[in-house]
Amino acid sequence: MQLRELGEFGLIRRIKRAVARSGGAGPAVVLGMGDDAALLRLRAGEELAVSTDGFVEGVHFRADTESPTTLGRRTYAAALSDLAAMGARPLGVVVALAAPPELPVVWVDRWLRGLLRGAVDWEAPLVGGNLARASEISFTVTVHGAVPRRGSLVRSAARPGDRVFVTGELGRSALDWVRAAAGRGPRRHVPTPRLRAGQALRRLATRGACVDVSDGIVGDLGHILRASRVGAELDPERLPRPRGFGAACRALGRDPLALLTAGGEDYELLFTARANAPSEAVLTRRLGVRVSEIGRITRRRGLRGLDRVAGFTHF
């Protein structure tokens, strides 16, 4: 069955049933899917954090190299990563889908399954959205979160002398994409939005600036440097990477350093902390994920150590 046969309202009913089966609303949802807008509850002393990500077939994904379920879960993670970078807790998510009328309904079912797995695993309920006809598949994921008033993580808080850290590992998503593009199997890797790590980092007294690594560590660190009006020195040897990463890159004819630093879609947290911040080991325990120290912030502008590598941009 195709979308043209099911119809817009039939698809809406199908989505609502799937959401209800998944567990429905979270504690912050006053009114979920079914009305003209969802209602989300903030606690006293909180501010609303909102972010939107767009995903377009042929730009952000290829339907022939990734299952709809993996795609749904991966894009949910990507959108929630913006909340993690602000230190926010999720309240609710809305998704707008545009698709060709001949798209099989089973594709949408599987894509929705991936979204709802993310909604349950990361405690970020799907509370609404929109449907539209289009010549290609695209969707927009808008996330809503809450942070204590004047307590969010921002890009402009780095200071000279800060140490630079990153969570998790870099390069796994980029390597997964390169393998799929080379015809060596579908994309399988789904990043984890570092929501709990971001909330723990927000409570750290010695924290500085923070951004999520979506376009590659070089490009995303550049956002911090420009917003904070500082520079940085990084040690390429300290960048955390999966075991066997270099050999896997070379087998595919790719430069390991370029893929590691500019491949993008890692969705780890890149952050700075004051010189007297805890050690890697202590931060790893507090944030609940591996933390690596990779450099320092300098008064002199610009990036040194990785200055010949460029991050991803759309234009």
C-alpha atoms as a PDB file:
ATOM      1  CA  MET A   1       0.000   0.000   0.000  1.00  0.00           C
ATOM      2  CA  GLN A   2       1.197   3.506  -0.878  1.00  0.00           C
ATOM      3  CA  LEU A   3       0.613   6.783   0.961  1.00  0.00           C
ATOM      4  CA  ARG A   4      -1.805   7.933  -1.776  1.00  0.00           C
ATOM      5  CA  GLU A   5      -4.020   4.931  -0.947  1.00  0.00           C
ATOM      6  CA  LEU A   6      -3.894   5.403   2.828  1.00  0.00           C
ATOM      7  CA  GLY A   7      -4.453   9.175   2.658  1.00  0.00           C
ATOM      8  CA  GLU A   8      -3.347  11.957   4.983  1.00  0.00           C
ATOM      9  CA  PHE A   9      -5.920  11.363   7.719  1.00  0.00           C
ATOM     10  CA  GLY A  10      -5.441   7.615   7.564  1.00  0.00           C
ATOM     11  CA  LEU A  11      -1.710   8.112   8.079  1.00  0.00           C
ATOM     12  CA  ILE A  12      -2.361  10.473  10.998  1.00  0.00           C
ATOM     13  CA  ARG A  13      -4.542   7.847  12.684  1.00  0.00           C
ATOM     14  CA  ARG A  14      -1.875   5.228  12.035  1.00  0.00           C
ATOM     15  CA  ILE A  15       0.806   7.425  13.640  1.00  0.00           C
ATOM     16  CA  LYS A  16      -1.385   8.207  16.661  1.00  0.00           C
ATOM     17  CA  ARG A  17      -1.970   4.504  17.276  1.00  0.00           C
ATOM     18  CA  ALA A  18       1.754   3.786  17.045  1.00  0.00           C
ATOM     19  CA  VAL A  19       2.540   6.585  19.500  1.00  0.00           C
ATOM     20  CA  ALA A  20      -0.084   5.289  21.946  1.00  0.00           C
ATOM     21  CA  ARG A  21       1.343   1.753  21.748  1.00  0.00           C
ATOM     22  CA  SER A  22       4.836   3.077  22.464  1.00  0.00           C
ATOM     23  CA  GLY A  23       3.795   4.524  25.804  1.00  0.00           C
ATOM     24  CA  GLY A  24       2.538   7.916  24.710  1.00  0.00           C
ATOM     25  CA  ALA A  25       3.305  11.026  26.702  1.00  0.00           C
ATOM     26  CA  GLY A  26       5.996  11.741  29.260  1.00  0.00           C
ATOM     27  CA  PRO A  27       5.640  13.578  32.578  1.00  0.00           C
ATOM     28  CA  ALA A  28       6.108  16.999  30.965  1.00  0.00           C
ATOM     29  CA  VAL A  29       3.285  16.489  28.441  1.00  0.00           C
ATOM     30  CA  VAL A  30       0.011  18.135  29.479  1.00  0.00           C
ATOM     31  CA  LEU A  31      -1.645  17.493  26.101  1.00  0.00           C
ATOM     32  CA  GLY A  32      -0.041  15.368  23.425  1.00  0.00           C
ATOM     33  CA  MET A  33      -0.864  14.413  19.854  1.00  0.00           C
ATOM     34  CA  GLY A  34      -4.378  15.076  18.558  1.00  0.00           C
ATOM     35  CA  ASP A  35      -5.031  18.800  18.983  1.00  0.00           C
ATOM     36  CA  ASP A  36      -3.762  21.797  17.036  1.00  0.00           C
ATOM     37  CA  ALA A  37      -0.795  22.055  19.377  1.00  0.00           C
ATOM     38  CA  ALA A  38       0.767  20.052  22.175  1.00  0.00           C
ATOM     39  CA  LEU A  39       1.020  21.487  25.680  1.00  0.00           C
ATOM     40  CA  LEU A  40       4.266  20.981  27.604  1.00  0.00           C
ATOM     41  CA  ARG A  41       4.851  21.773  31.276  1.00  0.00           C
ATOM     42  CA  LEU A  42       7.879  23.695  32.554  1.00  0.00           C
ATOM     43  CA  ARG A  43       8.922  23.542  36.190  1.00  0.00           C
ATOM     44  CA  ALA A  44       9.266  26.724  38.215  1.00  0.00           C
ATOM     45  CA  GLY A  45      12.504  28.525  37.416  1.00  0.00           C
ATOM     46  CA  GLU A  46      13.057  26.863  34.035  1.00  0.00           C
ATOM     47  CA  GLU A  47      13.516  28.240  30.524  1.00  0.00           C
ATOM     48  CA  LEU A  48      12.431  26.606  27.267  1.00  0.00           C
ATOM     49  CA  ALA A  49      15.127  25.310  24.878  1.00  0.00           C
ATOM     50  CA  VAL A  50      13.990  24.779  21.263  1.00  0.00           C
ATOM     51  CA  SER A  51      15.912  23.497  18.240  1.00  0.00           C
ATOM     52  CA  THR A  52      14.994  22.325  14.726  1.00  0.00           C
ATOM     53  CA  ASP A  53      16.845  19.993  12.362  1.00  0.00           C
ATOM     54  CA  GLY A  54      15.955  19.273   8.742  1.00  0.00           C
ATOM     55  CA  PHE A  55      16.774  16.012   6.948  1.00  0.00           C
ATOM     56  CA  VAL A  56      16.588  15.835   3.148  1.00  0.00           C
ATOM     57  CA  GLU A  57      16.943  12.743   0.985  1.00  0.00           C
ATOM     58  CA  GLY A  58      20.158  12.901  -1.024  1.00  0.00           C
ATOM     59  CA  VAL A  59      21.732  15.392   1.401  1.00  0.00           C
ATOM     60  CA  HIS A  60      21.413  13.912   4.898  1.00  0.00           C
ATOM     61  CA  PHE A  61      20.517  10.359   3.948  1.00  0.00           C
ATOM     62  CA  ARG A  62      20.060   7.927   1.085  1.00  0.00           C
ATOM     63  CA  ALA A  63      17.092   5.599   1.279  1.00  0.00           C
ATOM     64  CA  ASP A  64      19.025   2.877  -0.555  1.00  0.00           C
ATOM     65  CA  THR A  65      21.875   2.719   1.990  1.00  0.00           C
ATOM     66  CA  GLU A  66      19.957   2.841   5.270  1.00  0.00           C
ATOM     67  CA  SER A  67      16.931   1.105   6.713  1.00  0.00           C
ATOM     68  CA  PRO A  68      13.989   3.369   7.602  1.00  0.00           C
ATOM     69  CA  THR A  69      14.191   2.215  11.234  1.00  0.00           C
ATOM     70  CA  THR A  70      17.869   3.159  11.543  1.00  0.00           C
ATOM     71  CA  LEU A  71      17.170   6.459   9.804  1.00  0.00           C
ATOM     72  CA  GLY A  72      14.322   7.345  12.167  1.00  0.00           C
ATOM     73  CA  ARG A  73      16.323   6.549  15.264  1.00  0.00           C
ATOM     74  CA  ARG A  74      19.462   8.275  13.967  1.00  0.00           C
ATOM     75  CA  THR A  75      17.696  11.521  13.106  1.00  0.00           C
ATOM     76  CA  TYR A  76      15.870  11.569  16.446  1.00  0.00           C
ATOM     77  CA  ALA A  77      19.289  11.286  18.113  1.00  0.00           C
ATOM     78  CA  ALA A  78      20.722  14.082  15.973  1.00  0.00           C
ATOM     79  CA  ALA A  79      17.941  16.482  16.901  1.00  0.00           C
ATOM     80  CA  LEU A  80      18.098  15.645  20.617  1.00  0.00           C
ATOM     81  CA  SER A  81      21.847  16.224  20.594  1.00  0.00           C
ATOM     82  CA  ASP A  82      21.167  19.965  20.360  1.00  0.00           C
ATOM     83  CA  LEU A  83      19.339  19.779  23.687  1.00  0.00           C
ATOM     84  CA  ALA A  84      22.247  17.823  25.172  1.00  0.00           C
ATOM     85  CA  ALA A  85      24.643  20.589  24.137  1.00  0.00           C
ATOM     86  CA  MET A  86      22.546  23.095  26.092  1.00  0.00           C
ATOM     87  CA  GLY A  87      22.316  20.879  29.169  1.00  0.00           C
ATOM     88  CA  ALA A  88      18.545  20.573  28.693  1.00  0.00           C
ATOM     89  CA  ARG A  89      16.183  17.745  29.595  1.00  0.00           C
ATOM     90  CA  PRO A  90      13.732  16.779  26.812  1.00  0.00           C
ATOM     91  CA  LEU A  91      10.067  17.729  27.103  1.00  0.00           C
ATOM     92  CA  GLY A  92       8.613  16.745  23.723  1.00  0.00           C
ATOM     93  CA  VAL A  93       9.359  16.382  20.018  1.00  0.00           C
ATOM     94  CA  VAL A  94       7.370  17.255  16.887  1.00  0.00           C
ATOM     95  CA  VAL A  95       8.162  15.871  13.427  1.00  0.00           C
ATOM     96  CA  ALA A  96       7.027  17.167  10.022  1.00  0.00           C
ATOM     97  CA  LEU A  97       7.213  14.596   7.204  1.00  0.00           C
ATOM     98  CA  ALA A  98       7.113  15.453   3.483  1.00  0.00           C
ATOM     99  CA  ALA A  99       6.996  12.465   1.126  1.00  0.00           C
ATOM    100  CA  PRO A 100       5.960  11.349  -2.375  1.00  0.00           C
ATOM    101  CA  PRO A 101       2.430   9.877  -2.596  1.00  0.00           C
ATOM    102  CA  GLU A 102       3.860   6.638  -3.997  1.00  0.00           C
ATOM    103  CA  LEU A 103       6.054   6.016  -0.943  1.00  0.00           C
ATOM    104  CA  PRO A 104       5.128   2.626   0.559  1.00  0.00           C
ATOM    105  CA  VAL A 105       3.291   2.867   3.881  1.00  0.00           C
ATOM    106  CA  VAL A 106       5.551   0.123   5.240  1.00  0.00           C
ATOM    107  CA  TRP A 107       8.534   2.511   4.824  1.00  0.00           C
ATOM    108  CA  VAL A 108       6.767   5.089   6.983  1.00  0.00           C
ATOM    109  CA  ASP A 109       5.841   2.425   9.546  1.00  0.00           C
ATOM    110  CA  ARG A 110       9.476   1.379   9.896  1.00  0.00           C
ATOM    111  CA  TRP A 111      10.743   4.962  10.010  1.00  0.00           C
ATOM    112  CA  LEU A 112       8.193   5.746  12.719  1.00  0.00           C
ATOM    113  CA  ARG A 113       9.336   2.668  14.625  1.00  0.00           C
ATOM    114  CA  GLY A 114      12.842   4.150  14.719  1.00  0.00           C
ATOM    115  CA  LEU A 115      11.523   7.503  15.943  1.00  0.00           C
ATOM    116  CA  LEU A 116       9.520   5.879  18.707  1.00  0.00           C
ATOM    117  CA  ARG A 117      12.426   3.729  19.856  1.00  0.00           C
ATOM    118  CA  GLY A 118      14.348   6.965  20.319  1.00  0.00           C
ATOM    119  CA  ALA A 119      11.393   8.555  22.075  1.00  0.00           C
ATOM    120  CA  VAL A 120      11.318   5.742  24.643  1.00  0.00           C
ATOM    121  CA  ASP A 121      15.061   5.230  25.054  1.00  0.00           C
ATOM    122  CA  TRP A 122      15.837   8.939  25.474  1.00  0.00           C
ATOM    123  CA  GLU A 123      12.643   9.895  27.316  1.00  0.00           C
ATOM    124  CA  ALA A 124      11.649  12.411  24.665  1.00  0.00           C
ATOM    125  CA  PRO A 125       8.005  11.763  23.670  1.00  0.00           C
ATOM    126  CA  LEU A 126       6.723  12.417  20.161  1.00  0.00           C
ATOM    127  CA  VAL A 127       3.851  14.869  20.690  1.00  0.00           C
ATOM    128  CA  GLY A 128       2.858  16.085  17.219  1.00  0.00           C
ATOM    129  CA  GLY A 129       3.900  17.065  13.714  1.00  0.00           C
ATOM    130  CA  ASN A 130       2.731  17.626  10.154  1.00  0.00           C
ATOM    131  CA  LEU A 131       2.369  15.793   6.835  1.00  0.00           C
ATOM    132  CA  ALA A 132       2.854  17.127   3.314  1.00  0.00           C
ATOM    133  CA  ARG A 133       3.206  15.912  -0.285  1.00  0.00           C
ATOM    134  CA  ALA A 134       6.662  16.329  -1.862  1.00  0.00           C
ATOM    135  CA  SER A 135       8.758  14.967  -4.715  1.00  0.00           C
ATOM    136  CA  GLU A 136      11.357  13.556  -2.292  1.00  0.00           C
ATOM    137  CA  ILE A 137      11.457  12.418   1.319  1.00  0.00           C
ATOM    138  CA  SER A 138      12.342  15.057   3.891  1.00  0.00           C
ATOM    139  CA  PHE A 139      11.457  15.650   7.493  1.00  0.00           C
ATOM    140  CA  THR A 140      11.974  18.275  10.137  1.00  0.00           C
ATOM    141  CA  VAL A 141      12.452  17.351  13.783  1.00  0.00           C
ATOM    142  CA  THR A 142      11.812  20.066  16.375  1.00  0.00           C
ATOM    143  CA  VAL A 143      12.834  19.345  19.957  1.00  0.00           C
ATOM    144  CA  HIS A 144      11.714  21.136  23.109  1.00  0.00           C
ATOM    145  CA  GLY A 145      13.632  20.967  26.368  1.00  0.00           C
ATOM    146  CA  ALA A 146      13.963  22.687  29.721  1.00  0.00           C
ATOM    147  CA  VAL A 147      16.964  24.215  31.481  1.00  0.00           C
ATOM    148  CA  PRO A 148      17.235  26.154  34.758  1.00  0.00           C
ATOM    149  CA  ARG A 149      16.878  29.887  34.238  1.00  0.00           C
ATOM    150  CA  ARG A 150      20.228  31.398  33.159  1.00  0.00           C
ATOM    151  CA  GLY A 151      21.826  27.974  33.628  1.00  0.00           C
ATOM    152  CA  SER A 152      22.168  26.609  30.078  1.00  0.00           C
ATOM    153  CA  LEU A 153      25.408  25.609  28.406  1.00  0.00           C
ATOM    154  CA  VAL A 154      26.404  28.063  25.656  1.00  0.00           C
ATOM    155  CA  ARG A 155      29.126  28.469  23.038  1.00  0.00           C
ATOM    156  CA  SER A 156      30.362  31.841  24.276  1.00  0.00           C
ATOM    157  CA  ALA A 157      31.698  30.811  27.700  1.00  0.00           C
ATOM    158  CA  ALA A 158      35.224  29.613  26.782  1.00  0.00           C
ATOM    159  CA  ARG A 159      38.143  31.513  28.356  1.00  0.00           C
ATOM    160  CA  PRO A 160      41.916  31.510  27.686  1.00  0.00           C
ATOM    161  CA  GLY A 161      43.491  28.767  29.764  1.00  0.00           C
ATOM    162  CA  ASP A 162      40.427  26.489  29.558  1.00  0.00           C
ATOM    163  CA  ARG A 163      41.047  22.826  28.836  1.00  0.00           C
ATOM    164  CA  VAL A 164      39.207  21.293  25.862  1.00  0.00           C
ATOM    165  CA  PHE A 165      37.362  17.980  26.243  1.00  0.00           C
ATOM    166  CA  VAL A 166      35.167  15.710  24.140  1.00  0.00           C
ATOM    167  CA  THR A 167      32.890  12.835  25.112  1.00  0.00           C
ATOM    168  CA  GLY A 168      32.851   9.374  23.574  1.00  0.00           C
ATOM    169  CA  GLU A 169      34.627   8.616  20.294  1.00  0.00           C
ATOM    170  CA  LEU A 170      34.909  10.472  17.000  1.00  0.00           C
ATOM    171  CA  GLY A 171      34.717   9.159  13.452  1.00  0.00           C
ATOM    172  CA  ARG A 172      32.394   6.171  13.851  1.00  0.00           C
ATOM    173  CA  SER A 173      29.450   7.776  12.015  1.00  0.00           C
ATOM    174  CA  ALA A 174      31.637   9.052   9.178  1.00  0.00           C
ATOM    175  CA  LEU A 175      33.251   5.647   8.713  1.00  0.00           C
ATOM    176  CA  ASP A 176      29.813   4.026   8.697  1.00  0.00           C
ATOM    177  CA  TRP A 177      28.713   6.444   5.940  1.00  0.00           C
ATOM    178  CA  VAL A 178      31.823   5.818   3.823  1.00  0.00           C
ATOM    179  CA  ARG A 179      31.377   2.052   4.068  1.00  0.00           C
ATOM    180  CA  ALA A 180      27.746   2.313   2.988  1.00  0.00           C
ATOM    181  CA  ALA A 181      28.594   4.658   0.100  1.00  0.00           C
ATOM    182  CA  ALA A 182      31.202   2.132  -1.074  1.00  0.00           C
ATOM    183  CA  GLY A 183      28.534  -0.581  -1.207  1.00  0.00           C
ATOM    184  CA  ARG A 184      29.833  -2.486   1.811  1.00  0.00           C
ATOM    185  CA  GLY A 185      26.526  -2.833   3.598  1.00  0.00           C
ATOM    186  CA  PRO A 186      23.864  -0.428   4.901  1.00  0.00           C
ATOM    187  CA  ARG A 187      24.407   2.270   7.478  1.00  0.00           C
ATOM    188  CA  ARG A 188      24.007   0.781  10.935  1.00  0.00           C
ATOM    189  CA  HIS A 189      25.530   3.179  13.436  1.00  0.00           C
ATOM    190  CA  VAL A 190      23.126   5.194  15.593  1.00  0.00           C
ATOM    191  CA  PRO A 191      24.794   7.820  17.814  1.00  0.00           C
ATOM    192  CA  THR A 192      23.679   8.428  21.378  1.00  0.00           C
ATOM    193  CA  PRO A 193      22.554  11.955  22.259  1.00  0.00           C
ATOM    194  CA  ARG A 194      24.533  12.833  25.387  1.00  0.00           C
ATOM    195  CA  LEU A 195      21.541  14.184  27.281  1.00  0.00           C
ATOM    196  CA  ARG A 196      22.516  13.000  30.752  1.00  0.00           C
ATOM    197  CA  ALA A 197      26.130  14.041  30.188  1.00  0.00           C
ATOM    198  CA  GLY A 198      24.996  17.530  29.169  1.00  0.00           C
ATOM    199  CA  GLN A 199      22.831  17.891  32.263  1.00  0.00           C
ATOM    200  CA  ALA A 200      25.709  16.720  34.476  1.00  0.00           C
ATOM    201  CA  LEU A 201      28.108  19.116  32.743  1.00  0.00           C
ATOM    202  CA  ARG A 202      25.706  21.999  33.321  1.00  0.00           C
ATOM    203  CA  ARG A 203      26.037  21.388  37.075  1.00  0.00           C
ATOM    204  CA  LEU A 204      29.846  21.478  36.963  1.00  0.00           C
ATOM    205  CA  ALA A 205      31.149  24.657  38.628  1.00  0.00           C
ATOM    206  CA  THR A 206      34.252  24.799  36.393  1.00  0.00           C
ATOM    207  CA  ARG A 207      32.458  24.333  33.063  1.00  0.00           C
ATOM    208  CA  GLY A 208      33.039  26.665  30.144  1.00  0.00           C
ATOM    209  CA  ALA A 209      31.510  26.501  26.663  1.00  0.00           C
ATOM    210  CA  CYS A 210      29.798  23.564  24.959  1.00  0.00           C
ATOM    211  CA  VAL A 211      28.657  22.484  21.476  1.00  0.00           C
ATOM    212  CA  ASP A 212      27.643  19.167  19.976  1.00  0.00           C
ATOM    213  CA  VAL A 213      29.835  17.652  17.267  1.00  0.00           C
ATOM    214  CA  SER A 214      27.540  17.491  14.253  1.00  0.00           C
ATOM    215  CA  ASP A 215      29.685  18.840  11.393  1.00  0.00           C
ATOM    216  CA  GLY A 216      33.104  17.641  12.548  1.00  0.00           C
ATOM    217  CA  ILE A 217      35.204  18.697  15.505  1.00  0.00           C
ATOM    218  CA  VAL A 218      37.083  21.377  13.541  1.00  0.00           C
ATOM    219  CA  GLY A 219      33.962  23.156  12.344  1.00  0.00           C
ATOM    220  CA  ASP A 220      32.122  22.845  15.640  1.00  0.00           C
ATOM    221  CA  LEU A 221      35.077  23.983  17.749  1.00  0.00           C
ATOM    222  CA  GLY A 222      35.175  26.960  15.396  1.00  0.00           C
ATOM    223  CA  HIS A 223      31.696  27.929  16.638  1.00  0.00           C
ATOM    224  CA  ILE A 224      33.034  28.091  20.199  1.00  0.00           C
ATOM    225  CA  LEU A 225      36.137  30.037  19.180  1.00  0.00           C
ATOM    226  CA  ARG A 226      34.156  32.657  17.285  1.00  0.00           C
ATOM    227  CA  ALA A 227      31.458  33.016  19.943  1.00  0.00           C
ATOM    228  CA  SER A 228      34.034  33.244  22.765  1.00  0.00           C
ATOM    229  CA  ARG A 229      36.595  35.292  20.763  1.00  0.00           C
ATOM    230  CA  VAL A 230      39.455  32.957  21.601  1.00  0.00           C
ATOM    231  CA  GLY A 231      41.737  30.437  19.894  1.00  0.00           C
ATOM    232  CA  ALA A 232      42.701  26.828  20.573  1.00  0.00           C
ATOM    233  CA  GLU A 233      45.513  24.325  20.323  1.00  0.00           C
ATOM    234  CA  LEU A 234      44.532  20.673  19.839  1.00  0.00           C
ATOM    235  CA  ASP A 235      46.614  17.504  19.945  1.00  0.00           C
ATOM    236  CA  PRO A 236      45.498  15.202  17.075  1.00  0.00           C
ATOM    237  CA  GLU A 237      46.973  12.188  18.841  1.00  0.00           C
ATOM    238  CA  ARG A 238      44.581  12.637  21.767  1.00  0.00           C
ATOM    239  CA  LEU A 239      41.415  12.593  19.697  1.00  0.00           C
ATOM    240  CA  PRO A 240      39.404   9.507  20.798  1.00  0.00           C
ATOM    241  CA  ARG A 241      38.661   7.081  17.974  1.00  0.00           C
ATOM    242  CA  PRO A 242      37.290   3.541  17.578  1.00  0.00           C
ATOM    243  CA  ARG A 243      39.739   0.639  17.681  1.00  0.00           C
ATOM    244  CA  GLY A 244      41.082  -0.118  14.210  1.00  0.00           C
ATOM    245  CA  PHE A 245      39.840   3.209  12.846  1.00  0.00           C
ATOM    246  CA  GLY A 246      43.010   4.107  10.933  1.00  0.00           C
ATOM    247  CA  ALA A 247      43.283   0.754   9.192  1.00  0.00           C
ATOM    248  CA  ALA A 248      39.578   0.786   8.279  1.00  0.00           C
ATOM    249  CA  CYS A 249      39.900   4.270   6.752  1.00  0.00           C
ATOM    250  CA  ARG A 250      42.959   3.362   4.712  1.00  0.00           C
ATOM    251  CA  ALA A 251      41.236   0.214   3.421  1.00  0.00           C
ATOM    252  CA  LEU A 252      38.531   2.492   2.040  1.00  0.00           C
ATOM    253  CA  GLY A 253      41.043   4.950   0.583  1.00  0.00           C
ATOM    254  CA  ARG A 254      40.242   7.716   3.072  1.00  0.00           C
ATOM    255  CA  ASP A 255      42.504   9.905   5.191  1.00  0.00           C
ATOM    256  CA  PRO A 256      41.932   8.896   8.843  1.00  0.00           C
ATOM    257  CA  LEU A 257      42.607  12.386  10.254  1.00  0.00           C
ATOM    258  CA  ALA A 258      40.232  14.094   7.817  1.00  0.00           C
ATOM    259  CA  LEU A 259      37.463  11.596   8.512  1.00  0.00           C
ATOM    260  CA  LEU A 260      38.075  11.767  12.257  1.00  0.00           C
ATOM    261  CA  THR A 261      37.929  15.561  12.465  1.00  0.00           C
ATOM    262  CA  ALA A 262      35.609  16.602   9.633  1.00  0.00           C
ATOM    263  CA  GLY A 263      33.417  13.568   8.932  1.00  0.00           C
ATOM    264  CA  GLY A 264      30.603  14.828  11.158  1.00  0.00           C
ATOM    265  CA  GLU A 265      27.516  13.258  12.732  1.00  0.00           C
ATOM    266  CA  ASP A 266      29.382  12.168  15.868  1.00  0.00           C
ATOM    267  CA  TYR A 267      26.902  13.977  18.175  1.00  0.00           C
ATOM    268  CA  GLU A 268      29.372  13.940  21.039  1.00  0.00           C
ATOM    269  CA  LEU A 269      29.772  16.927  23.368  1.00  0.00           C
ATOM    270  CA  LEU A 270      32.776  19.173  22.769  1.00  0.00           C
ATOM    271  CA  PHE A 271      33.302  21.414  25.778  1.00  0.00           C
ATOM    272  CA  THR A 272      35.791  23.530  27.677  1.00  0.00           C
ATOM    273  CA  ALA A 273      36.408  23.688  31.403  1.00  0.00           C
ATOM    274  CA  ARG A 274      38.554  25.919  33.579  1.00  0.00           C
ATOM    275  CA  ALA A 275      42.172  25.003  34.293  1.00  0.00           C
ATOM    276  CA  ASN A 276      41.228  23.686  37.751  1.00  0.00           C
ATOM    277  CA  ALA A 277      38.506  21.398  36.376  1.00  0.00           C
ATOM    278  CA  PRO A 278      38.533  17.707  37.394  1.00  0.00           C
ATOM    279  CA  SER A 279      40.615  15.120  35.560  1.00  0.00           C
ATOM    280  CA  GLU A 280      39.443  13.031  32.610  1.00  0.00           C
ATOM    281  CA  ALA A 281      38.731  10.134  34.970  1.00  0.00           C
ATOM    282  CA  VAL A 282      36.619  12.224  37.335  1.00  0.00           C
ATOM    283  CA  LEU A 283      34.707  13.857  34.472  1.00  0.00           C
ATOM    284  CA  THR A 284      34.090  10.418  32.979  1.00  0.00           C
ATOM    285  CA  ARG A 285      32.460   9.298  36.227  1.00  0.00           C
ATOM    286  CA  ARG A 286      30.410  12.469  36.637  1.00  0.00           C
ATOM    287  CA  LEU A 287      29.177  12.619  33.044  1.00  0.00           C
ATOM    288  CA  GLY A 288      28.624   8.873  32.726  1.00  0.00           C
ATOM    289  CA  VAL A 289      30.538   8.611  29.440  1.00  0.00           C
ATOM    290  CA  ARG A 290      34.186   8.518  28.433  1.00  0.00           C
ATOM    291  CA  VAL A 291      35.731  12.005  28.454  1.00  0.00           C
ATOM    292  CA  SER A 292      39.031  12.850  26.715  1.00  0.00           C
ATOM    293  CA  GLU A 293      41.128  15.997  27.119  1.00  0.00           C
ATOM    294  CA  ILE A 294      42.290  17.063  23.659  1.00  0.00           C
ATOM    295  CA  GLY A 295      43.693  20.595  23.926  1.00  0.00           C
ATOM    296  CA  ARG A 296      43.452  24.041  25.466  1.00  0.00           C
ATOM    297  CA  ILE A 297      41.956  27.434  24.764  1.00  0.00           C
ATOM    298  CA  THR A 298      44.366  30.267  23.955  1.00  0.00           C
ATOM    299  CA  ARG A 299      44.162  34.035  23.856  1.00  0.00           C
ATOM    300  CA  ARG A 300      45.610  34.019  20.348  1.00  0.00           C
ATOM    301  CA  ARG A 301      42.809  33.575  17.812  1.00  0.00           C
ATOM    302  CA  GLY A 302      42.621  30.652  15.408  1.00  0.00           C
ATOM    303  CA  LEU A 303      42.946  26.883  15.638  1.00  0.00           C
ATOM    304  CA  ARG A 304      46.353  25.230  15.756  1.00  0.00           C
ATOM    305  CA  GLY A 305      47.055  21.528  15.467  1.00  0.00           C
ATOM    306  CA  LEU A 306      44.171  20.836  13.076  1.00  0.00           C
ATOM    307  CA  ASP A 307      44.211  24.076  11.097  1.00  0.00           C
ATOM    308  CA  ARG A 308      44.471  22.346   7.685  1.00  0.00           C
ATOM    309  CA  VAL A 309      41.237  20.366   8.132  1.00  0.00           C
ATOM    310  CA  ALA A 310      37.866  21.929   7.326  1.00  0.00           C
ATOM    311  CA  GLY A 311      34.498  20.955   8.798  1.00  0.00           C
ATOM    312  CA  PHE A 312      31.310  20.261   6.847  1.00  0.00           C
ATOM    313  CA  THR A 313      29.117  23.126   5.567  1.00  0.00           C
ATOM    314  CA  HIS A 314      25.985  23.026   3.427  1.00  0.00           C
ATOM    315  CA  PHE A 315      26.900  26.005   1.229  1.00  0.00           C
END
